[in-house]
């Protein structure tokens, strides 16, 4: 009996590690605007998302981080100094402390914008626009933003077609376990972090464009795992992605929706 149980566990282990296939999910748009479009607007602001829409994007990638009161805001950075006129850490602030903080103080000093709450962004983006919600984490075991977004999903507060993405394999595993109907993308910026894919089984792989090689394409084909590349900005690179059947690109280039899809 023990031998049969052990053999069964070995079979499950081998199947999980080597013979998995990505789940079939709805097709992402060919192009997603990276933190919105930032020609005239600071990144991750209502203005940058609207600028993406004005340029014809059907998908927007935006970053999400939580405050100490569990309010979700749109920011790529954990500190306020890098992109805003505030000071300190987002996760040590509550929403009232951000009322007078403006983003874009360095990149768009003539057009600074409020740091939007996620719910505010959702209400200002048309419901037919696909959203790639990237969850930011302070450490490997930080699930604070993930748990808050999970509650939003359970309360049906996200009416858009959307996916969750993260650099954290634990965030990907968390949603695979507790929100099985949610589409998940795993972000990778170095080859050394590709290995968790065989254990967490994301629906999409989001590699940095310059690490994609024949091995990545082979893995993608073997596991039916679509690729969404970031950050692809020049037209020859976009053409290369199309020829190699890349599913989608995340881009800063406002002209991308004008390309043949």
C-alpha atoms as a PDB file:
ATOM      1  CA  UNK A   1       0.000   0.000   0.000  1.00  0.00           C
ATOM      2  CA  UNK A   2       2.796   2.401   0.916  1.00  0.00           C
ATOM      3  CA  UNK A   3       4.588   1.599  -2.332  1.00  0.00           C
ATOM      4  CA  UNK A   4       1.437   2.337  -4.336  1.00  0.00           C
ATOM      5  CA  UNK A   5       0.950   5.611  -2.511  1.00  0.00           C
ATOM      6  CA  UNK A   6       4.569   6.579  -3.116  1.00  0.00           C
ATOM      7  CA  UNK A   7       4.289   5.660  -6.813  1.00  0.00           C
ATOM      8  CA  UNK A   8       1.140   7.758  -7.098  1.00  0.00           C
ATOM      9  CA  UNK A   9       2.858  10.733  -5.525  1.00  0.00           C
ATOM     10  CA  UNK A  10       5.803  10.371  -7.892  1.00  0.00           C
ATOM     11  CA  UNK A  11       3.462  10.306 -10.894  1.00  0.00           C
ATOM     12  CA  UNK A  12       1.651  13.441  -9.665  1.00  0.00           C
ATOM     13  CA  UNK A  13       4.970  15.158  -9.033  1.00  0.00           C
ATOM     14  CA  UNK A  14       6.319  14.368 -12.511  1.00  0.00           C
ATOM     15  CA  UNK A  15       3.066  15.354 -14.188  1.00  0.00           C
ATOM     16  CA  UNK A  16       2.893  18.655 -12.301  1.00  0.00           C
ATOM     17  CA  UNK A  17       6.495  19.533 -13.070  1.00  0.00           C
ATOM     18  CA  UNK A  18       6.938  18.370 -16.657  1.00  0.00           C
ATOM     19  CA  UNK A  19       3.584  17.783 -18.371  1.00  0.00           C
ATOM     20  CA  UNK A  20       1.435  20.763 -17.418  1.00  0.00           C
ATOM     21  CA  UNK A  21      -0.358  22.996 -19.907  1.00  0.00           C
ATOM     22  CA  UNK A  22      -1.388  26.595 -19.385  1.00  0.00           C
ATOM     23  CA  UNK A  23      -5.113  27.138 -18.959  1.00  0.00           C
ATOM     24  CA  UNK A  24      -6.992  28.510 -21.965  1.00  0.00           C
ATOM     25  CA  UNK A  25      -7.855  32.156 -21.331  1.00  0.00           C
ATOM     26  CA  UNK A  26      -9.475  34.961 -23.280  1.00  0.00           C
ATOM     27  CA  UNK A  27      -7.087  36.551 -25.737  1.00  0.00           C
ATOM     28  CA  UNK A  28      -5.287  39.685 -24.524  1.00  0.00           C
ATOM     29  CA  UNK A  29      -5.132  42.766 -26.774  1.00  0.00           C
ATOM     30  CA  UNK A  30      -2.150  42.868 -29.120  1.00  0.00           C
ATOM     31  CA  UNK A  31      -0.899  46.022 -27.393  1.00  0.00           C
ATOM     32  CA  UNK A  32      -1.104  47.189 -23.784  1.00  0.00           C
ATOM     33  CA  UNK A  33      -0.097  50.721 -22.825  1.00  0.00           C
ATOM     34  CA  UNK A  34       2.709  50.578 -20.261  1.00  0.00           C
ATOM     35  CA  UNK A  35       1.455  52.533 -17.204  1.00  0.00           C
ATOM     36  CA  UNK A  36      -0.731  54.413 -19.660  1.00  0.00           C
ATOM     37  CA  UNK A  37       0.778  56.648 -22.339  1.00  0.00           C
ATOM     38  CA  UNK A  38       3.154  59.211 -20.898  1.00  0.00           C
ATOM     39  CA  UNK A  39       3.852  61.732 -23.656  1.00  0.00           C
ATOM     40  CA  UNK A  40       1.794  64.447 -21.986  1.00  0.00           C
ATOM     41  CA  UNK A  41       0.909  62.740 -18.716  1.00  0.00           C
ATOM     42  CA  UNK A  42       2.692  61.297 -15.664  1.00  0.00           C
ATOM     43  CA  UNK A  43       2.678  57.497 -15.567  1.00  0.00           C
ATOM     44  CA  UNK A  44      -0.048  55.636 -13.719  1.00  0.00           C
ATOM     45  CA  UNK A  45      -2.427  58.585 -13.583  1.00  0.00           C
ATOM     46  CA  UNK A  46      -5.972  58.983 -14.851  1.00  0.00           C
ATOM     47  CA  UNK A  47      -4.553  61.355 -17.450  1.00  0.00           C
ATOM     48  CA  UNK A  48      -2.059  58.755 -18.752  1.00  0.00           C
ATOM     49  CA  UNK A  49      -4.789  56.105 -19.011  1.00  0.00           C
ATOM     50  CA  UNK A  50      -7.015  58.507 -20.926  1.00  0.00           C
ATOM     51  CA  UNK A  51      -4.073  59.360 -23.172  1.00  0.00           C
ATOM     52  CA  UNK A  52      -3.754  55.644 -23.965  1.00  0.00           C
ATOM     53  CA  UNK A  53      -7.422  55.502 -24.909  1.00  0.00           C
ATOM     54  CA  UNK A  54      -7.053  58.568 -27.124  1.00  0.00           C
ATOM     55  CA  UNK A  55      -4.263  56.752 -28.974  1.00  0.00           C
ATOM     56  CA  UNK A  56      -6.472  53.754 -29.638  1.00  0.00           C
ATOM     57  CA  UNK A  57      -5.237  51.258 -27.026  1.00  0.00           C
ATOM     58  CA  UNK A  58      -7.653  48.494 -26.046  1.00  0.00           C
ATOM     59  CA  UNK A  59      -5.501  47.368 -23.131  1.00  0.00           C
ATOM     60  CA  UNK A  60      -3.705  49.187 -20.307  1.00  0.00           C
ATOM     61  CA  UNK A  61      -1.033  47.902 -17.940  1.00  0.00           C
ATOM     62  CA  UNK A  62      -1.123  49.645 -14.568  1.00  0.00           C
ATOM     63  CA  UNK A  63       0.711  49.152 -11.277  1.00  0.00           C
ATOM     64  CA  UNK A  64      -1.082  48.656  -7.980  1.00  0.00           C
ATOM     65  CA  UNK A  65       0.236  49.044  -4.441  1.00  0.00           C
ATOM     66  CA  UNK A  66      -1.562  49.167  -1.088  1.00  0.00           C
ATOM     67  CA  UNK A  67      -1.464  51.800   1.644  1.00  0.00           C
ATOM     68  CA  UNK A  68      -1.433  51.034   5.359  1.00  0.00           C
ATOM     69  CA  UNK A  69      -5.251  51.305   5.468  1.00  0.00           C
ATOM     70  CA  UNK A  70      -5.518  48.772   2.576  1.00  0.00           C
ATOM     71  CA  UNK A  71      -6.462  51.463   0.061  1.00  0.00           C
ATOM     72  CA  UNK A  72      -5.121  50.511  -3.359  1.00  0.00           C
ATOM     73  CA  UNK A  73      -3.372  53.196  -5.405  1.00  0.00           C
ATOM     74  CA  UNK A  74      -1.729  53.209  -8.806  1.00  0.00           C
ATOM     75  CA  UNK A  75       2.037  53.564  -8.521  1.00  0.00           C
ATOM     76  CA  UNK A  76       5.081  51.715  -9.815  1.00  0.00           C
ATOM     77  CA  UNK A  77       7.251  52.796  -6.883  1.00  0.00           C
ATOM     78  CA  UNK A  78       7.103  52.139  -3.164  1.00  0.00           C
ATOM     79  CA  UNK A  79       8.566  55.525  -2.279  1.00  0.00           C
ATOM     80  CA  UNK A  80       6.865  58.846  -2.973  1.00  0.00           C
ATOM     81  CA  UNK A  81      10.053  60.808  -3.702  1.00  0.00           C
ATOM     82  CA  UNK A  82      10.791  59.198  -7.074  1.00  0.00           C
ATOM     83  CA  UNK A  83       7.643  60.303  -8.911  1.00  0.00           C
ATOM     84  CA  UNK A  84       5.700  62.622  -6.588  1.00  0.00           C
ATOM     85  CA  UNK A  85       6.128  65.728  -4.454  1.00  0.00           C
ATOM     86  CA  UNK A  86       5.492  63.675  -1.301  1.00  0.00           C
ATOM     87  CA  UNK A  87       7.899  61.943   1.059  1.00  0.00           C
ATOM     88  CA  UNK A  88       8.103  58.516   2.671  1.00  0.00           C
ATOM     89  CA  UNK A  89       6.642  55.150   1.725  1.00  0.00           C
ATOM     90  CA  UNK A  90       3.236  54.434   0.257  1.00  0.00           C
ATOM     91  CA  UNK A  91       2.669  51.498   2.593  1.00  0.00           C
ATOM     92  CA  UNK A  92       3.138  53.813   5.592  1.00  0.00           C
ATOM     93  CA  UNK A  93       0.526  56.297   4.382  1.00  0.00           C
ATOM     94  CA  UNK A  94      -3.271  56.293   4.434  1.00  0.00           C
ATOM     95  CA  UNK A  95      -5.509  57.766   1.762  1.00  0.00           C
ATOM     96  CA  UNK A  96      -6.001  61.090   3.540  1.00  0.00           C
ATOM     97  CA  UNK A  97      -2.245  61.662   3.536  1.00  0.00           C
ATOM     98  CA  UNK A  98      -2.192  61.415  -0.270  1.00  0.00           C
ATOM     99  CA  UNK A  99      -4.896  64.013  -0.901  1.00  0.00           C
ATOM    100  CA  UNK A 100      -2.370  66.742  -1.677  1.00  0.00           C
ATOM    101  CA  UNK A 101       0.320  64.571  -3.258  1.00  0.00           C
ATOM    102  CA  UNK A 102       0.851  64.936  -7.007  1.00  0.00           C
ATOM    103  CA  UNK A 103       2.633  62.624  -9.447  1.00  0.00           C
ATOM    104  CA  UNK A 104       4.891  63.739 -12.284  1.00  0.00           C
ATOM    105  CA  UNK A 105       6.791  66.385 -10.364  1.00  0.00           C
ATOM    106  CA  UNK A 106       9.983  65.489 -12.264  1.00  0.00           C
ATOM    107  CA  UNK A 107       8.730  64.039 -15.534  1.00  0.00           C
ATOM    108  CA  UNK A 108       5.785  66.407 -16.177  1.00  0.00           C
ATOM    109  CA  UNK A 109       6.230  69.423 -13.882  1.00  0.00           C
ATOM    110  CA  UNK A 110       3.766  71.472 -15.951  1.00  0.00           C
ATOM    111  CA  UNK A 111       1.091  68.766 -15.785  1.00  0.00           C
ATOM    112  CA  UNK A 112       1.275  67.112 -12.380  1.00  0.00           C
ATOM    113  CA  UNK A 113      -1.632  64.837 -11.513  1.00  0.00           C
ATOM    114  CA  UNK A 114      -3.109  63.284  -8.365  1.00  0.00           C
ATOM    115  CA  UNK A 115      -2.057  59.759  -7.439  1.00  0.00           C
ATOM    116  CA  UNK A 116      -5.244  57.823  -8.276  1.00  0.00           C
ATOM    117  CA  UNK A 117      -6.862  55.170  -6.163  1.00  0.00           C
ATOM    118  CA  UNK A 118      -7.472  51.963  -8.105  1.00  0.00           C
ATOM    119  CA  UNK A 119     -11.240  52.296  -7.765  1.00  0.00           C
ATOM    120  CA  UNK A 120     -11.014  55.811  -9.196  1.00  0.00           C
ATOM    121  CA  UNK A 121      -9.021  54.501 -12.156  1.00  0.00           C
ATOM    122  CA  UNK A 122     -11.574  51.745 -12.739  1.00  0.00           C
ATOM    123  CA  UNK A 123     -14.413  54.265 -12.794  1.00  0.00           C
ATOM    124  CA  UNK A 124     -12.607  56.434 -15.359  1.00  0.00           C
ATOM    125  CA  UNK A 125     -11.630  53.659 -17.786  1.00  0.00           C
ATOM    126  CA  UNK A 126     -14.373  52.302 -20.085  1.00  0.00           C
ATOM    127  CA  UNK A 127     -15.542  48.837 -19.076  1.00  0.00           C
ATOM    128  CA  UNK A 128     -14.566  47.304 -22.431  1.00  0.00           C
ATOM    129  CA  UNK A 129     -10.860  48.122 -21.954  1.00  0.00           C
ATOM    130  CA  UNK A 130      -8.653  45.205 -20.922  1.00  0.00           C
ATOM    131  CA  UNK A 131      -6.629  45.845 -17.755  1.00  0.00           C
ATOM    132  CA  UNK A 132      -3.348  44.227 -16.770  1.00  0.00           C
ATOM    133  CA  UNK A 133      -3.140  44.876 -13.021  1.00  0.00           C
ATOM    134  CA  UNK A 134       0.465  44.455 -11.918  1.00  0.00           C
ATOM    135  CA  UNK A 135       0.697  43.805  -8.190  1.00  0.00           C
ATOM    136  CA  UNK A 136       3.746  45.378  -6.585  1.00  0.00           C
ATOM    137  CA  UNK A 137       5.374  43.615  -3.631  1.00  0.00           C
ATOM    138  CA  UNK A 138       7.884  44.916  -1.088  1.00  0.00           C
ATOM    139  CA  UNK A 139       9.329  41.465  -0.423  1.00  0.00           C
ATOM    140  CA  UNK A 140       8.915  37.869  -1.543  1.00  0.00           C
ATOM    141  CA  UNK A 141       6.309  37.145   1.128  1.00  0.00           C
ATOM    142  CA  UNK A 142       4.338  40.388   0.811  1.00  0.00           C
ATOM    143  CA  UNK A 143       0.731  39.484  -0.029  1.00  0.00           C
ATOM    144  CA  UNK A 144      -0.892  42.675   1.294  1.00  0.00           C
ATOM    145  CA  UNK A 145      -1.891  44.050  -2.115  1.00  0.00           C
ATOM    146  CA  UNK A 146      -2.872  40.604  -3.392  1.00  0.00           C
ATOM    147  CA  UNK A 147      -5.286  39.973  -0.526  1.00  0.00           C
ATOM    148  CA  UNK A 148      -6.934  43.380  -0.953  1.00  0.00           C
ATOM    149  CA  UNK A 149      -7.404  42.845  -4.695  1.00  0.00           C
ATOM    150  CA  UNK A 150      -8.774  39.389  -3.976  1.00  0.00           C
ATOM    151  CA  UNK A 151     -11.479  40.993  -1.810  1.00  0.00           C
ATOM    152  CA  UNK A 152     -12.288  43.421  -4.627  1.00  0.00           C
ATOM    153  CA  UNK A 153     -12.657  40.513  -7.036  1.00  0.00           C
ATOM    154  CA  UNK A 154     -14.902  38.612  -4.623  1.00  0.00           C
ATOM    155  CA  UNK A 155     -17.037  41.735  -4.175  1.00  0.00           C
ATOM    156  CA  UNK A 156     -17.247  42.070  -7.978  1.00  0.00           C
ATOM    157  CA  UNK A 157     -15.741  45.547  -7.980  1.00  0.00           C
ATOM    158  CA  UNK A 158     -13.770  44.989 -11.192  1.00  0.00           C
ATOM    159  CA  UNK A 159     -16.157  45.081 -14.138  1.00  0.00           C
ATOM    160  CA  UNK A 160     -13.452  45.195 -16.822  1.00  0.00           C
ATOM    161  CA  UNK A 161     -11.873  42.218 -18.561  1.00  0.00           C
ATOM    162  CA  UNK A 162      -8.622  41.924 -16.639  1.00  0.00           C
ATOM    163  CA  UNK A 163      -5.659  39.874 -15.603  1.00  0.00           C
ATOM    164  CA  UNK A 164      -3.390  39.946 -12.556  1.00  0.00           C
ATOM    165  CA  UNK A 165       0.371  39.973 -13.078  1.00  0.00           C
ATOM    166  CA  UNK A 166       3.325  40.051 -10.719  1.00  0.00           C
ATOM    167  CA  UNK A 167       7.045  39.428 -10.436  1.00  0.00           C
ATOM    168  CA  UNK A 168       6.308  37.458  -7.271  1.00  0.00           C
ATOM    169  CA  UNK A 169       5.814  33.706  -7.829  1.00  0.00           C
ATOM    170  CA  UNK A 170       3.979  33.592  -4.493  1.00  0.00           C
ATOM    171  CA  UNK A 171       1.425  36.133  -5.709  1.00  0.00           C
ATOM    172  CA  UNK A 172       0.867  34.022  -8.828  1.00  0.00           C
ATOM    173  CA  UNK A 173       0.485  30.880  -6.684  1.00  0.00           C
ATOM    174  CA  UNK A 174      -1.853  32.762  -4.310  1.00  0.00           C
ATOM    175  CA  UNK A 175      -4.288  33.621  -7.092  1.00  0.00           C
ATOM    176  CA  UNK A 176      -4.020  30.166  -8.641  1.00  0.00           C
ATOM    177  CA  UNK A 177      -5.122  28.708  -5.299  1.00  0.00           C
ATOM    178  CA  UNK A 178      -7.726  31.218  -4.139  1.00  0.00           C
ATOM    179  CA  UNK A 179      -9.039  32.893  -7.324  1.00  0.00           C
ATOM    180  CA  UNK A 180      -8.997  30.123  -9.883  1.00  0.00           C
ATOM    181  CA  UNK A 181     -11.171  32.004 -12.370  1.00  0.00           C
ATOM    182  CA  UNK A 182      -8.722  34.919 -12.547  1.00  0.00           C
ATOM    183  CA  UNK A 183      -6.188  35.060 -15.378  1.00  0.00           C
ATOM    184  CA  UNK A 184      -2.614  35.290 -14.091  1.00  0.00           C
ATOM    185  CA  UNK A 185       0.592  36.524 -15.735  1.00  0.00           C
ATOM    186  CA  UNK A 186       4.058  35.891 -14.324  1.00  0.00           C
ATOM    187  CA  UNK A 187       6.568  38.705 -14.883  1.00  0.00           C
ATOM    188  CA  UNK A 188      10.224  37.795 -15.406  1.00  0.00           C
ATOM    189  CA  UNK A 189      13.156  40.150 -15.908  1.00  0.00           C
ATOM    190  CA  UNK A 190      16.076  37.715 -15.640  1.00  0.00           C
ATOM    191  CA  UNK A 191      16.411  34.097 -16.865  1.00  0.00           C
ATOM    192  CA  UNK A 192      17.201  32.873 -13.352  1.00  0.00           C
ATOM    193  CA  UNK A 193      13.592  33.494 -12.283  1.00  0.00           C
ATOM    194  CA  UNK A 194      11.971  31.466 -15.059  1.00  0.00           C
ATOM    195  CA  UNK A 195      12.193  28.156 -13.165  1.00  0.00           C
ATOM    196  CA  UNK A 196       9.146  28.770 -10.853  1.00  0.00           C
ATOM    197  CA  UNK A 197       6.893  28.645 -13.919  1.00  0.00           C
ATOM    198  CA  UNK A 198       6.964  24.847 -13.829  1.00  0.00           C
ATOM    199  CA  UNK A 199       5.509  24.890 -10.313  1.00  0.00           C
ATOM    200  CA  UNK A 200       3.114  27.848 -10.266  1.00  0.00           C
ATOM    201  CA  UNK A 201       1.682  27.377 -13.797  1.00  0.00           C
ATOM    202  CA  UNK A 202       0.687  30.917 -14.849  1.00  0.00           C
ATOM    203  CA  UNK A 203      -1.713  31.522 -17.712  1.00  0.00           C
ATOM    204  CA  UNK A 204       0.721  33.929 -19.408  1.00  0.00           C
ATOM    205  CA  UNK A 205       4.457  34.533 -19.216  1.00  0.00           C
ATOM    206  CA  UNK A 206       5.516  38.193 -19.248  1.00  0.00           C
ATOM    207  CA  UNK A 207       9.275  38.181 -19.917  1.00  0.00           C
ATOM    208  CA  UNK A 208      11.410  41.238 -20.446  1.00  0.00           C
ATOM    209  CA  UNK A 209      11.816  41.370 -24.208  1.00  0.00           C
ATOM    210  CA  UNK A 210      15.601  41.076 -24.255  1.00  0.00           C
ATOM    211  CA  UNK A 211      15.680  37.737 -22.397  1.00  0.00           C
ATOM    212  CA  UNK A 212      13.464  35.939 -24.914  1.00  0.00           C
ATOM    213  CA  UNK A 213      15.380  33.260 -26.801  1.00  0.00           C
ATOM    214  CA  UNK A 214      14.825  29.870 -28.411  1.00  0.00           C
ATOM    215  CA  UNK A 215      14.533  28.156 -25.026  1.00  0.00           C
ATOM    216  CA  UNK A 216      11.750  30.531 -23.954  1.00  0.00           C
ATOM    217  CA  UNK A 217       9.906  29.948 -27.231  1.00  0.00           C
ATOM    218  CA  UNK A 218      10.320  26.179 -26.834  1.00  0.00           C
ATOM    219  CA  UNK A 219       8.963  26.264 -23.284  1.00  0.00           C
ATOM    220  CA  UNK A 220       6.073  28.446 -24.443  1.00  0.00           C
ATOM    221  CA  UNK A 221       5.187  25.943 -27.170  1.00  0.00           C
ATOM    222  CA  UNK A 222       5.571  22.853 -24.965  1.00  0.00           C
ATOM    223  CA  UNK A 223       3.264  24.232 -22.276  1.00  0.00           C
ATOM    224  CA  UNK A 224       0.886  26.196 -24.542  1.00  0.00           C
ATOM    225  CA  UNK A 225       1.954  29.257 -22.578  1.00  0.00           C
ATOM    226  CA  UNK A 226       1.308  32.582 -24.377  1.00  0.00           C
ATOM    227  CA  UNK A 227       3.963  35.317 -24.178  1.00  0.00           C
ATOM    228  CA  UNK A 228       3.297  38.981 -23.378  1.00  0.00           C
ATOM    229  CA  UNK A 229       6.587  40.867 -23.788  1.00  0.00           C
ATOM    230  CA  UNK A 230       7.674  44.099 -22.107  1.00  0.00           C
ATOM    231  CA  UNK A 231       8.690  46.795 -22.828  1.00  0.00           C
ATOM    232  CA  UNK A 232       8.645  46.722 -26.658  1.00  0.00           C
ATOM    233  CA  UNK A 233       8.790  50.227 -28.122  1.00  0.00           C
ATOM    234  CA  UNK A 234      10.305  50.253 -31.620  1.00  0.00           C
ATOM    235  CA  UNK A 235       8.491  49.139 -34.745  1.00  0.00           C
ATOM    236  CA  UNK A 236      11.108  46.555 -35.944  1.00  0.00           C
ATOM    237  CA  UNK A 237      10.875  44.837 -32.548  1.00  0.00           C
ATOM    238  CA  UNK A 238       7.086  44.834 -32.781  1.00  0.00           C
ATOM    239  CA  UNK A 239       7.317  43.279 -36.249  1.00  0.00           C
ATOM    240  CA  UNK A 240       9.678  40.626 -34.852  1.00  0.00           C
ATOM    241  CA  UNK A 241       7.150  39.836 -32.123  1.00  0.00           C
ATOM    242  CA  UNK A 242       4.401  39.428 -34.712  1.00  0.00           C
ATOM    243  CA  UNK A 243       6.508  37.103 -36.871  1.00  0.00           C
ATOM    244  CA  UNK A 244       7.311  34.970 -33.826  1.00  0.00           C
ATOM    245  CA  UNK A 245       3.674  34.683 -32.727  1.00  0.00           C
ATOM    246  CA  UNK A 246       4.111  36.684 -29.540  1.00  0.00           C
ATOM    247  CA  UNK A 247       0.673  37.084 -28.007  1.00  0.00           C
ATOM    248  CA  UNK A 248       0.938  40.711 -26.890  1.00  0.00           C
ATOM    249  CA  UNK A 249       3.399  43.506 -26.191  1.00  0.00           C
ATOM    250  CA  UNK A 250       3.421  46.023 -23.367  1.00  0.00           C
ATOM    251  CA  UNK A 251       4.668  49.280 -24.804  1.00  0.00           C
ATOM    252  CA  UNK A 252       5.346  52.998 -24.300  1.00  0.00           C
ATOM    253  CA  UNK A 253       4.904  53.691 -28.012  1.00  0.00           C
ATOM    254  CA  UNK A 254       1.636  55.588 -28.659  1.00  0.00           C
ATOM    255  CA  UNK A 255       1.718  54.573 -32.338  1.00  0.00           C
ATOM    256  CA  UNK A 256       1.389  50.827 -31.649  1.00  0.00           C
ATOM    257  CA  UNK A 257      -2.391  50.570 -32.168  1.00  0.00           C
ATOM    258  CA  UNK A 258      -1.832  51.930 -35.690  1.00  0.00           C
ATOM    259  CA  UNK A 259       0.155  48.790 -36.566  1.00  0.00           C
ATOM    260  CA  UNK A 260      -1.602  45.976 -38.389  1.00  0.00           C
ATOM    261  CA  UNK A 261      -2.850  43.394 -35.892  1.00  0.00           C
END
